C-alpha atoms as a PDB file:
ATOM      1  CA  MET A   1     -20.069 -50.956 -46.400  1.00  0.00           C
ATOM      2  CA  LYS A   2     -18.074 -47.828 -44.964  1.00  0.00           C
ATOM      3  CA  GLU A   3     -14.921 -46.754 -46.521  1.00  0.00           C
ATOM      4  CA  ILE A   4     -11.720 -47.931 -45.280  1.00  0.00           C
ATOM      5  CA  ARG A   5      -9.210 -45.539 -46.286  1.00  0.00           C
ATOM      6  CA  VAL A   6      -5.670 -46.320 -44.934  1.00  0.00           C
ATOM      7  CA  ARG A   7      -1.986 -44.545 -45.037  1.00  0.00           C
ATOM      8  CA  LEU A   8       0.084 -46.843 -47.285  1.00  0.00           C
ATOM      9  CA  THR A   9       3.433 -45.048 -46.513  1.00  0.00           C
ATOM     10  CA  ASN A  10       4.569 -41.651 -45.665  1.00  0.00           C
ATOM     11  CA  ASP A  11       8.015 -39.708 -45.153  1.00  0.00           C
ATOM     12  CA  ARG A  12       8.658 -40.688 -41.721  1.00  0.00           C
ATOM     13  CA  LEU A  13      11.734 -42.482 -40.349  1.00  0.00           C
ATOM     14  CA  ASN A  14      11.103 -45.992 -40.532  1.00  0.00           C
ATOM     15  CA  SER A  15      12.483 -49.239 -38.751  1.00  0.00           C
ATOM     16  CA  TYR A  16      15.540 -49.438 -41.302  1.00  0.00           C
ATOM     17  CA  GLY A  17      16.711 -46.353 -40.193  1.00  0.00           C
ATOM     18  CA  THR A  18      15.865 -44.762 -43.521  1.00  0.00           C
ATOM     19  CA  ARG A  19      13.042 -42.659 -45.243  1.00  0.00           C
ATOM     20  CA  VAL A  20      10.715 -43.240 -48.350  1.00  0.00           C
ATOM     21  CA  LEU A  21      10.229 -39.864 -49.830  1.00  0.00           C
ATOM     22  CA  THR A  22       6.554 -39.600 -50.705  1.00  0.00           C
ATOM     23  CA  GLU A  23       7.466 -36.907 -53.500  1.00  0.00           C
ATOM     24  CA  GLY A  24       9.548 -39.759 -55.247  1.00  0.00           C
ATOM     25  CA  LEU A  25       7.244 -42.483 -54.879  1.00  0.00           C
ATOM     26  CA  ASP A  26       6.151 -43.732 -58.273  1.00  0.00           C
ATOM     27  CA  ILE A  27       2.358 -45.127 -57.842  1.00  0.00           C
ATOM     28  CA  GLU A  28       1.521 -44.833 -61.658  1.00  0.00           C
ATOM     29  CA  GLN A  29       2.440 -48.279 -62.445  1.00  0.00           C
ATOM     30  CA  TYR A  30       0.664 -49.860 -59.452  1.00  0.00           C
ATOM     31  CA  GLN A  31      -2.719 -48.096 -60.133  1.00  0.00           C
ATOM     32  CA  ARG A  32      -2.907 -50.069 -63.448  1.00  0.00           C
ATOM     33  CA  ASN A  33      -3.315 -53.351 -61.390  1.00  0.00           C
ATOM     34  CA  PRO A  34      -4.003 -52.070 -57.558  1.00  0.00           C
ATOM     35  CA  VAL A  35      -4.036 -55.458 -56.192  1.00  0.00           C
ATOM     36  CA  LEU A  36      -4.130 -56.045 -52.477  1.00  0.00           C
ATOM     37  CA  LEU A  37      -2.390 -59.216 -50.970  1.00  0.00           C
ATOM     38  CA  TYR A  38      -2.523 -60.545 -47.620  1.00  0.00           C
ATOM     39  CA  MET A  39       1.152 -60.487 -45.561  1.00  0.00           C
ATOM     40  CA  HIS A  40       3.098 -60.085 -48.794  1.00  0.00           C
ATOM     41  CA  GLN A  41       2.098 -63.300 -50.355  1.00  0.00           C
ATOM     42  CA  ARG A  42       2.140 -63.499 -53.930  1.00  0.00           C
ATOM     43  CA  GLY A  43      -0.965 -65.219 -55.076  1.00  0.00           C
ATOM     44  CA  VAL A  44      -2.812 -64.599 -52.196  1.00  0.00           C
ATOM     45  CA  VAL A  45      -5.048 -61.533 -53.413  1.00  0.00           C
ATOM     46  CA  VAL A  46      -7.852 -60.588 -51.245  1.00  0.00           C
ATOM     47  CA  GLY A  47      -9.250 -57.172 -53.215  1.00  0.00           C
ATOM     48  CA  GLN A  48      -7.574 -53.995 -54.533  1.00  0.00           C
ATOM     49  CA  VAL A  49      -6.815 -50.584 -53.310  1.00  0.00           C
ATOM     50  CA  LYS A  50      -8.900 -47.637 -54.980  1.00  0.00           C
ATOM     51  CA  ASP A  51      -8.633 -44.049 -54.919  1.00  0.00           C
ATOM     52  CA  ILE A  52      -5.065 -43.847 -54.185  1.00  0.00           C
ATOM     53  CA  LYS A  53      -3.837 -40.324 -53.080  1.00  0.00           C
ATOM     54  CA  LYS A  54      -0.621 -38.769 -52.882  1.00  0.00           C
ATOM     55  CA  GLU A  55      -0.564 -35.800 -50.823  1.00  0.00           C
ATOM     56  CA  LYS A  56       0.770 -33.843 -47.907  1.00  0.00           C
ATOM     57  CA  GLY A  57       3.681 -36.184 -47.378  1.00  0.00           C
ATOM     58  CA  GLU A  58       1.848 -39.379 -47.461  1.00  0.00           C
ATOM     59  CA  VAL A  59       0.015 -41.828 -49.718  1.00  0.00           C
ATOM     60  CA  THR A  60      -3.355 -43.435 -48.618  1.00  0.00           C
ATOM     61  CA  GLY A  61      -6.017 -45.262 -50.550  1.00  0.00           C
ATOM     62  CA  VAL A  62      -9.229 -47.283 -49.690  1.00  0.00           C
ATOM     63  CA  LEU A  63      -9.344 -50.952 -49.233  1.00  0.00           C
ATOM     64  CA  VAL A  64     -11.912 -52.782 -51.312  1.00  0.00           C
ATOM     65  CA  PHE A  65     -12.247 -56.754 -50.524  1.00  0.00           C
ATOM     66  CA  ASP A  66     -13.466 -58.696 -53.563  1.00  0.00           C
ATOM     67  CA  GLU A  67     -14.990 -61.462 -51.069  1.00  0.00           C
ATOM     68  CA  ALA A  68     -13.898 -63.979 -53.684  1.00  0.00           C
ATOM     69  CA  THR A  69     -12.394 -66.309 -50.748  1.00  0.00           C
ATOM     70  CA  GLU A  70     -13.049 -66.710 -47.400  1.00  0.00           C
ATOM     71  CA  LEU A  71     -10.079 -65.041 -46.110  1.00  0.00           C
ATOM     72  CA  SER A  72     -11.272 -61.864 -48.186  1.00  0.00           C
ATOM     73  CA  LYS A  73     -14.740 -62.000 -46.464  1.00  0.00           C
ATOM     74  CA  GLN A  74     -12.917 -62.652 -43.229  1.00  0.00           C
ATOM     75  CA  LEU A  75     -10.536 -59.396 -43.550  1.00  0.00           C
ATOM     76  CA  LYS A  76     -13.214 -57.340 -44.725  1.00  0.00           C
ATOM     77  CA  LYS A  77     -15.243 -58.046 -41.514  1.00  0.00           C
ATOM     78  CA  GLN A  78     -12.006 -57.463 -39.680  1.00  0.00           C
ATOM     79  CA  TYR A  79     -10.975 -53.994 -41.013  1.00  0.00           C
ATOM     80  CA  GLU A  80     -14.600 -52.797 -40.369  1.00  0.00           C
ATOM     81  CA  GLU A  81     -14.499 -54.008 -37.080  1.00  0.00           C
ATOM     82  CA  GLY A  82     -11.102 -52.441 -36.428  1.00  0.00           C
ATOM     83  CA  SER A  83      -9.353 -55.560 -35.202  1.00  0.00           C
ATOM     84  CA  MET A  84      -7.180 -55.231 -38.309  1.00  0.00           C
ATOM     85  CA  ARG A  85      -6.246 -51.797 -39.342  1.00  0.00           C
ATOM     86  CA  MET A  86      -2.428 -51.885 -41.008  1.00  0.00           C
ATOM     87  CA  VAL A  87      -1.106 -52.254 -44.450  1.00  0.00           C
ATOM     88  CA  SER A  88       2.254 -52.557 -45.682  1.00  0.00           C
ATOM     89  CA  VAL A  89       3.529 -51.711 -48.966  1.00  0.00           C
ATOM     90  CA  GLY A  90       6.198 -53.136 -51.140  1.00  0.00           C
ATOM     91  CA  ILE A  91       8.565 -50.379 -52.684  1.00  0.00           C
ATOM     92  CA  ASP A  92      11.472 -51.151 -55.432  1.00  0.00           C
ATOM     93  CA  ILE A  93      14.275 -48.731 -54.282  1.00  0.00           C
ATOM     94  CA  LEU A  94      15.548 -46.686 -57.490  1.00  0.00           C
ATOM     95  CA  GLU A  95      17.831 -43.882 -55.926  1.00  0.00           C
ATOM     96  CA  LEU A  96      19.198 -43.151 -52.243  1.00  0.00           C
ATOM     97  CA  SER A  97      20.676 -39.939 -51.043  1.00  0.00           C
ATOM     98  CA  GLU A  98      23.230 -38.538 -48.267  1.00  0.00           C
ATOM     99  CA  ASP A  99      22.044 -35.051 -48.767  1.00  0.00           C
ATOM    100  CA  PRO A 100      21.796 -33.748 -44.998  1.00  0.00           C
ATOM    101  CA  LYS A 101      18.849 -31.853 -46.160  1.00  0.00           C
ATOM    102  CA  LEU A 102      17.046 -35.110 -46.481  1.00  0.00           C
ATOM    103  CA  LEU A 103      18.535 -36.753 -42.996  1.00  0.00           C
ATOM    104  CA  GLU A 104      16.453 -36.616 -39.692  1.00  0.00           C
ATOM    105  CA  LEU A 105      17.587 -37.207 -36.599  1.00  0.00           C
ATOM    106  CA  GLY A 106      18.666 -41.221 -35.726  1.00  0.00           C
ATOM    107  CA  GLN A 107      18.776 -41.905 -39.487  1.00  0.00           C
ATOM    108  CA  THR A 108      21.274 -44.390 -40.081  1.00  0.00           C
ATOM    109  CA  SER A 109      20.563 -45.340 -43.773  1.00  0.00           C
ATOM    110  CA  PRO A 110      20.677 -42.829 -46.961  1.00  0.00           C
ATOM    111  CA  THR A 111      17.268 -41.440 -47.715  1.00  0.00           C
ATOM    112  CA  ILE A 112      15.112 -43.334 -50.444  1.00  0.00           C
ATOM    113  CA  THR A 113      14.390 -40.315 -52.960  1.00  0.00           C
ATOM    114  CA  ARG A 114      12.903 -42.163 -55.760  1.00  0.00           C
ATOM    115  CA  SER A 115      11.000 -45.408 -55.866  1.00  0.00           C
ATOM    116  CA  LYS A 116       8.245 -47.508 -57.207  1.00  0.00           C
ATOM    117  CA  LEU A 117       5.306 -49.129 -55.510  1.00  0.00           C
ATOM    118  CA  TYR A 118       4.242 -52.283 -56.650  1.00  0.00           C
ATOM    119  CA  GLU A 119       2.132 -54.267 -53.834  1.00  0.00           C
ATOM    120  CA  VAL A 120      -0.005 -53.372 -51.064  1.00  0.00           C
ATOM    121  CA  SER A 121      -0.910 -56.100 -48.330  1.00  0.00           C
ATOM    122  CA  CYS A 122      -2.892 -56.582 -45.320  1.00  0.00           C
ATOM    123  CA  VAL A 123      -0.682 -57.228 -42.100  1.00  0.00           C
ATOM    124  CA  ASP A 124      -1.495 -58.046 -38.521  1.00  0.00           C
ATOM    125  CA  ILE A 125       1.207 -56.487 -36.995  1.00  0.00           C
ATOM    126  CA  GLY A 126       3.914 -54.315 -38.411  1.00  0.00           C
ATOM    127  CA  ALA A 127       7.526 -53.531 -37.424  1.00  0.00           C
ATOM    128  CA  ASN A 128       6.325 -49.760 -36.935  1.00  0.00           C
ATOM    129  CA  ASP A 129       3.139 -47.427 -37.796  1.00  0.00           C
ATOM    130  CA  ASP A 130       4.454 -47.073 -41.219  1.00  0.00           C
ATOM    131  CA  ALA A 131       5.104 -50.969 -42.245  1.00  0.00           C
ATOM    132  CA  ILE A 132       6.757 -51.111 -45.638  1.00  0.00           C
ATOM    133  CA  THR A 133       8.555 -53.856 -47.276  1.00  0.00           C
ATOM    134  CA  LEU A 134      11.365 -52.493 -49.668  1.00  0.00           C
ATOM    135  CA  SER A 135      13.475 -54.373 -52.029  1.00  0.00           C
ATOM    136  CA  ARG A 136      16.889 -53.416 -53.860  1.00  0.00           C
ATOM    137  CA  GLU A 137      18.623 -55.044 -56.586  1.00  0.00           C
ATOM    138  CA  GLY A 138      16.393 -58.147 -55.969  1.00  0.00           C
ATOM    139  CA  THR A 139      17.112 -58.700 -52.249  1.00  0.00           C
ATOM    140  CA  VAL A 140      13.661 -58.259 -50.448  1.00  0.00           C
ATOM    141  CA  LEU A 141      13.549 -56.020 -46.995  1.00  0.00           C
ATOM    142  CA  THR A 142      11.041 -57.310 -44.544  1.00  0.00           C
ATOM    143  CA  LEU A 143       9.975 -55.496 -41.453  1.00  0.00           C
ATOM    144  CA  ARG A 144      10.944 -57.328 -38.774  1.00  0.00           C
ATOM    145  CA  LYS A 145      13.100 -57.233 -35.593  1.00  0.00           C
ATOM    146  CA  ASP A 146      15.548 -59.799 -36.499  1.00  0.00           C
ATOM    147  CA  GLY A 147      15.301 -59.050 -40.596  1.00  0.00           C
ATOM    148  CA  LYS A 148      18.626 -58.485 -42.391  1.00  0.00           C
ATOM    149  CA  ASN A 149      18.904 -54.892 -43.770  1.00  0.00           C
ATOM    150  CA  PRO A 150      21.178 -54.791 -46.916  1.00  0.00           C
ATOM    151  CA  LEU A 151      20.686 -50.894 -46.994  1.00  0.00           C
ATOM    152  CA  PRO A 152      23.894 -49.181 -47.018  1.00  0.00           C
ATOM    153  CA  LEU A 153      24.936 -47.082 -43.844  1.00  0.00           C
ATOM    154  CA  LEU A 154      25.240 -43.607 -44.196  1.00  0.00           C
ATOM    155  CA  THR A 155      29.212 -42.888 -45.059  1.00  0.00           C
ATOM    156  CA  ASN A 156      30.962 -41.286 -42.100  1.00  0.00           C
ATOM    157  CA  LYS A 157      27.367 -40.345 -40.933  1.00  0.00           C
ATOM    158  CA  PRO A 158      26.429 -42.677 -37.688  1.00  0.00           C
ATOM    159  CA  LYS A 159      29.469 -41.333 -35.763  1.00  0.00           C
ATOM    160  CA  GLU A 160      28.587 -37.710 -36.545  1.00  0.00           C
ATOM    161  CA  THR A 161      24.810 -38.428 -35.890  1.00  0.00           C
ATOM    162  CA  ARG A 162      25.647 -39.849 -32.579  1.00  0.00           C
ATOM    163  CA  MET A 163      28.050 -37.105 -31.619  1.00  0.00           C
ATOM    164  CA  ASP A 164      25.331 -34.469 -32.519  1.00  0.00           C
ATOM    165  CA  ILE A 165      22.718 -36.115 -30.181  1.00  0.00           C
ATOM    166  CA  LYS A 166      25.425 -36.654 -27.604  1.00  0.00           C
ATOM    167  CA  LYS A 167      25.957 -32.859 -27.432  1.00  0.00           C
ATOM    168  CA  LEU A 168      22.169 -32.084 -27.839  1.00  0.00           C
ATOM    169  CA  ALA A 169      21.952 -34.053 -24.682  1.00  0.00           C
ATOM    170  CA  LEU A 170      24.378 -32.638 -22.496  1.00  0.00           C
ATOM    171  CA  ILE A 171      23.006 -29.024 -23.627  1.00  0.00           C
ATOM    172  CA  LEU A 172      19.298 -30.272 -22.593  1.00  0.00           C
ATOM    173  CA  GLY A 173      20.795 -31.432 -19.255  1.00  0.00           C
ATOM    174  CA  LEU A 174      20.820 -35.135 -19.623  1.00  0.00           C
ATOM    175  CA  PRO A 175      23.427 -37.674 -19.735  1.00  0.00           C
ATOM    176  CA  GLU A 176      25.314 -38.332 -22.966  1.00  0.00           C
ATOM    177  CA  ASP A 177      24.018 -41.299 -23.339  1.00  0.00           C
ATOM    178  CA  ALA A 178      20.378 -40.374 -23.249  1.00  0.00           C
ATOM    179  CA  THR A 179      17.693 -42.214 -25.712  1.00  0.00           C
ATOM    180  CA  GLU A 180      16.125 -39.994 -28.809  1.00  0.00           C
ATOM    181  CA  GLU A 181      12.866 -40.667 -26.512  1.00  0.00           C
ATOM    182  CA  GLN A 182      14.705 -38.907 -23.630  1.00  0.00           C
ATOM    183  CA  ILE A 183      15.759 -36.105 -25.474  1.00  0.00           C
ATOM    184  CA  GLN A 184      12.348 -35.433 -27.429  1.00  0.00           C
ATOM    185  CA  GLU A 185      10.465 -35.509 -23.944  1.00  0.00           C
ATOM    186  CA  LYS A 186      12.921 -33.173 -22.555  1.00  0.00           C
ATOM    187  CA  ILE A 187      12.325 -31.054 -25.533  1.00  0.00           C
ATOM    188  CA  GLN A 188       8.544 -31.209 -24.931  1.00  0.00           C
ATOM    189  CA  GLN A 189       9.166 -30.315 -21.460  1.00  0.00           C
ATOM    190  CA  LEU A 190      11.217 -27.338 -22.320  1.00  0.00           C
ATOM    191  CA  LEU A 191       8.482 -26.258 -24.955  1.00  0.00           C
ATOM    192  CA  SER A 192       5.822 -26.675 -22.171  1.00  0.00           C
ATOM    193  CA  LEU A 193       7.780 -24.379 -19.932  1.00  0.00           C
ATOM    194  CA  ALA A 194       8.382 -21.884 -22.524  1.00  0.00           C
ATOM    195  CA  LYS A 195       4.620 -21.584 -23.162  1.00  0.00           C
ATOM    196  CA  GLU A 196       3.971 -21.230 -19.548  1.00  0.00           C
ATOM    197  CA  LEU A 197       6.521 -18.319 -19.350  1.00  0.00           C
ATOM    198  CA  GLU A 198       4.745 -16.846 -22.205  1.00  0.00           C
ATOM    199  CA  THR A 199       1.728 -16.950 -20.434  1.00  0.00           C
ATOM    200  CA  LEU A 200       3.032 -15.635 -17.678  1.00  0.00           C
ATOM    201  CA  ARG A 201       4.866 -12.530 -19.227  1.00  0.00           C
ATOM    202  CA  LYS A 202       1.724 -11.749 -20.944  1.00  0.00           C
ATOM    203  CA  GLU A 203      -0.211 -11.996 -17.403  1.00  0.00           C
ATOM    204  CA  LYS A 204       2.634  -9.683 -16.259  1.00  0.00           C
ATOM    205  CA  GLU A 205       2.365  -7.033 -18.949  1.00  0.00           C
ATOM    206  CA  GLU A 206      -1.324  -7.112 -18.455  1.00  0.00           C
ATOM    207  CA  LEU A 207      -0.926  -6.314 -14.725  1.00  0.00           C
ATOM    208  CA  THR A 208       1.400  -3.801 -15.225  1.00  0.00           C
ATOM    209  CA  LEU A 209      -0.311  -1.952 -17.678  1.00  0.00           C
ATOM    210  CA  SER A 210      -3.114  -1.881 -15.587  1.00  0.00           C
ATOM    211  CA  ALA A 211      -1.486  -0.470 -12.474  1.00  0.00           C
ATOM    212  CA  ILE A 212       0.075   2.208 -14.691  1.00  0.00           C
ATOM    213  CA  THR A 213      -3.061   3.352 -16.049  1.00  0.00           C
ATOM    214  CA  SER A 214      -4.460   3.426 -12.634  1.00  0.00           C
ATOM    215  CA  ALA A 215      -1.644   5.661 -11.586  1.00  0.00           C
ATOM    216  CA  VAL A 216      -2.185   8.108 -14.245  1.00  0.00           C
ATOM    217  CA  ASP A 217      -5.961   8.146 -13.736  1.00  0.00           C
ATOM    218  CA  GLU A 218      -5.271   9.025 -10.062  1.00  0.00           C
ATOM    219  CA  ALA A 219      -2.832  11.552 -11.129  1.00  0.00           C
ATOM    220  CA  VAL A 220      -5.557  12.982 -13.417  1.00  0.00           C
ATOM    221  CA  LYS A 221      -7.998  12.773 -10.545  1.00  0.00           C
ATOM    222  CA  ASP A 222      -5.729  14.770  -8.326  1.00  0.00           C
ATOM    223  CA  ARG A 223      -5.082  17.493 -11.109  1.00  0.00           C
ATOM    224  CA  ARG A 224      -1.443  16.500 -11.054  1.00  0.00           C
ATOM    225  CA  LEU A 225      -1.961  15.872 -14.613  1.00  0.00           C
ATOM    226  CA  SER A 226      -4.436  16.880 -17.451  1.00  0.00           C
ATOM    227  CA  ALA A 227      -6.325  14.362 -19.274  1.00  0.00           C
ATOM    228  CA  ASP A 228      -5.193  15.046 -22.611  1.00  0.00           C
ATOM    229  CA  LYS A 229      -1.670  13.951 -21.025  1.00  0.00           C
ATOM    230  CA  LYS A 230      -2.832  10.278 -19.994  1.00  0.00           C
ATOM    231  CA  ALA A 231      -1.961   8.637 -23.130  1.00  0.00           C
ATOM    232  CA  GLN A 232       1.835  10.051 -23.263  1.00  0.00           C
ATOM    233  CA  PHE A 233       2.130   9.399 -19.430  1.00  0.00           C
ATOM    234  CA  ILE A 234       0.967   5.660 -19.918  1.00  0.00           C
ATOM    235  CA  GLY A 235       3.476   5.160 -22.900  1.00  0.00           C
ATOM    236  CA  LEU A 236       6.264   6.612 -20.258  1.00  0.00           C
ATOM    237  CA  GLY A 237       5.222   4.263 -17.754  1.00  0.00           C
ATOM    238  CA  LYS A 238       5.467   1.352 -19.976  1.00  0.00           C
ATOM    239  CA  LYS A 239       9.030   2.129 -20.423  1.00  0.00           C
ATOM    240  CA  ILE A 240      10.343   3.446 -16.888  1.00  0.00           C
ATOM    241  CA  GLY A 241       8.084   1.031 -14.920  1.00  0.00           C
ATOM    242  CA  VAL A 242       5.398   1.673 -12.623  1.00  0.00           C
ATOM    243  CA  ALA A 243       7.403   2.790  -9.377  1.00  0.00           C
ATOM    244  CA  GLU A 244       9.426   5.436 -11.563  1.00  0.00           C
ATOM    245  CA  LEU A 245       6.162   6.348 -13.091  1.00  0.00           C
ATOM    246  CA  LYS A 246       4.524   7.333  -9.572  1.00  0.00           C
ATOM    247  CA  ASN A 247       7.404   9.140  -8.075  1.00  0.00           C
ATOM    248  CA  ILE A 248       7.582  11.347 -11.187  1.00  0.00           C
ATOM    249  CA  LEU A 249       3.627  11.758 -10.504  1.00  0.00           C
ATOM    250  CA  GLN A 250       3.646  12.444  -7.224  1.00  0.00           C
ATOM    251  CA  ALA A 251       6.402  14.985  -7.476  1.00  0.00           C
ATOM    252  CA  MET A 252       4.105  17.093  -9.869  1.00  0.00           C
ATOM    253  CA  ASN A 253       2.331  19.629  -7.956  1.00  0.00           C
ATOM    254  CA  PRO A 254      -1.579  19.974  -8.392  1.00  0.00           C
ATOM    255  CA  VAL A 255      -2.926  22.124 -11.083  1.00  0.00           C
ATOM    256  CA  VAL A 256      -4.762  25.021  -9.290  1.00  0.00           C
ATOM    257  CA  LYS A 257      -7.750  26.637 -10.629  1.00  0.00           C
ATOM    258  CA  PRO A 258      -7.440  30.527 -10.937  1.00  0.00           C
ATOM    259  CA  SER A 259     -10.439  30.766  -8.822  1.00  0.00           C
ATOM    260  CA  GLN A 260      -8.846  28.651  -6.326  1.00  0.00           C
ATOM    261  CA  ILE A 261      -6.037  31.077  -6.487  1.00  0.00           C
ATOM    262  CA  ILE A 262      -7.997  34.145  -5.922  1.00  0.00           C
ATOM    263  CA  THR A 263     -10.566  32.742  -3.383  1.00  0.00           C
ATOM    264  CA  GLY A 264     -11.190  30.110  -0.964  1.00  0.00           C
ATOM    265  CA  ALA A 265     -14.852  30.256  -0.914  1.00  0.00           C
ATOM    266  CA  PRO A 266     -17.559  32.177  -3.536  1.00  0.00           C
ATOM    267  CA  GLY A 267     -17.325  35.593  -2.331  1.00  0.00           C
ATOM    268  CA  GLU A 268     -14.354  35.804   0.112  1.00  0.00           C
ATOM    269  CA  SER A 269     -10.913  36.703  -1.241  1.00  0.00           C
ATOM    270  CA  GLN A 270      -7.537  35.122  -0.081  1.00  0.00           C
ATOM    271  CA  CYS A 271      -5.628  37.655  -1.579  1.00  0.00           C
ATOM    272  CA  LYS A 272      -6.531  41.301  -0.331  1.00  0.00           C
ATOM    273  CA  LYS A 273      -4.106  43.202  -2.411  1.00  0.00           C
ATOM    274  CA  LEU A 274      -2.939  42.773  -5.808  1.00  0.00           C
ATOM    275  CA  SER A 275       0.701  43.690  -4.374  1.00  0.00           C
ATOM    276  CA  ASP A 276       0.514  40.419  -2.245  1.00  0.00           C
ATOM    277  CA  MET A 277      -0.106  38.056  -5.304  1.00  0.00           C
ATOM    278  CA  THR A 278       2.677  36.522  -7.639  1.00  0.00           C
ATOM    279  CA  ALA A 279       3.089  37.243 -10.925  1.00  0.00           C
ATOM    280  CA  GLU A 280       1.443  34.087 -12.057  1.00  0.00           C
ATOM    281  CA  GLN A 281      -1.744  34.788  -9.629  1.00  0.00           C
ATOM    282  CA  LEU A 282      -1.974  38.261 -11.481  1.00  0.00           C
ATOM    283  CA  GLU A 283      -1.808  36.881 -14.986  1.00  0.00           C
ATOM    284  CA  ALA A 284      -4.399  34.272 -13.814  1.00  0.00           C
ATOM    285  CA  MET A 285      -6.665  36.727 -12.309  1.00  0.00           C
ATOM    286  CA  ARG A 286      -6.479  39.110 -15.439  1.00  0.00           C
ATOM    287  CA  GLU A 287      -7.104  36.172 -17.504  1.00  0.00           C
ATOM    288  CA  HIS A 288     -10.188  34.588 -15.659  1.00  0.00           C
ATOM    289  CA  ASP A 289     -11.566  37.238 -13.433  1.00  0.00           C
ATOM    290  CA  PHE A 290     -10.835  40.400 -14.624  1.00  0.00           C
ATOM    291  CA  ALA A 291     -13.651  42.119 -12.981  1.00  0.00           C
ATOM    292  CA  GLN A 292     -12.179  41.052  -9.663  1.00  0.00           C
ATOM    293  CA  TYR A 293      -8.598  42.267 -10.722  1.00  0.00           C
ATOM    294  CA  GLN A 294     -10.063  45.871 -11.664  1.00  0.00           C
ATOM    295  CA  LYS A 295     -11.840  45.742  -8.233  1.00  0.00           C
ATOM    296  CA  LEU A 296      -8.835  45.059  -6.098  1.00  0.00           C
ATOM    297  CA  TYR A 297      -6.747  47.439  -8.516  1.00  0.00           C
ATOM    298  CA  LYS A 298      -8.948  50.496  -7.727  1.00  0.00           C
ATOM    299  CA  ALA A 299      -9.044  49.644  -4.196  1.00  0.00           C
ATOM    300  CA  GLU A 300      -5.264  49.540  -3.748  1.00  0.00           C
ATOM    301  CA  TYR A 301      -4.297  52.217  -6.224  1.00  0.00           C
ATOM    302  CA  GLY A 302      -7.584  54.645  -6.065  1.00  0.00           C
ATOM    303  CA  ILE A 303      -7.835  54.936  -9.769  1.00  0.00           C
ATOM    304  CA  GLU A 304      -9.878  52.847 -12.113  1.00  0.00           C
ATOM    305  CA  CYS A 305      -7.778  50.176 -14.103  1.00  0.00           C
ATOM    306  CA  GLU A 306      -6.902  51.164 -17.562  1.00  0.00           C
ATOM    307  CA  ILE A 307      -5.548  47.635 -18.709  1.00  0.00           C
ATOM    308  CA  GLU A 308      -7.963  46.259 -21.487  1.00  0.00           C
END
């Protein structure tokens, strides 16, 4: 037989408008006699609940059918086949709290902070996904649509809660009487939109960086910028944008090699006389082509250049 592990209860809001905190649920006594009933009927025992675990805000257990009755055999097969999947727990309420930190949107009754598990039942249709049966001061609360709920309402809380929902609906652009489901759907839409916008933002950043890098590479190629300045100008482009960076790069004059200053073609001088050159050209020639400088110096002044 395959193991049938089911959720017995969790921290979620239930159809009573309250929550049973898993942390405050006492399962110790139930574990001494973990009977599995049918539809909360005393005396109709169909098995046990083994390996009960309380973790991550929920309580789970493994259903073990004793097959002592036809009903138990039937239930075992139905749970194995999946036609029966739910269970409902019986819980004694020991302590309630109206602490705002423990309240959730739409909650109408105090949070059950301390309670005790006393039975688990196989059920066909629960009132919600987290079907439970509660008892308080001897009164049993059954999860059905028309069932009476003896739990107290939150003190001065329903109106405030409704007002909060109303304000939230208006902020989201919904009618003030929007349901919680409509509000949740709108929030999900906005979250999806935010995710799409974040994706577009990242794509834009990547395209912008690519354009900046391309502009800087082009400036290096045109000798408007030296390669060692590439990272610096890419960083500048990120701050001022592609268009402004291109304006700056286009305004920069290409760096001219000393040989380009001195000659246009091998062996052919553009400047025949030193006196026709600028101070920058003279300095470049002395540094990079001193032999040519000496030649032109002697040709123009008739003496050898004594500069070393």
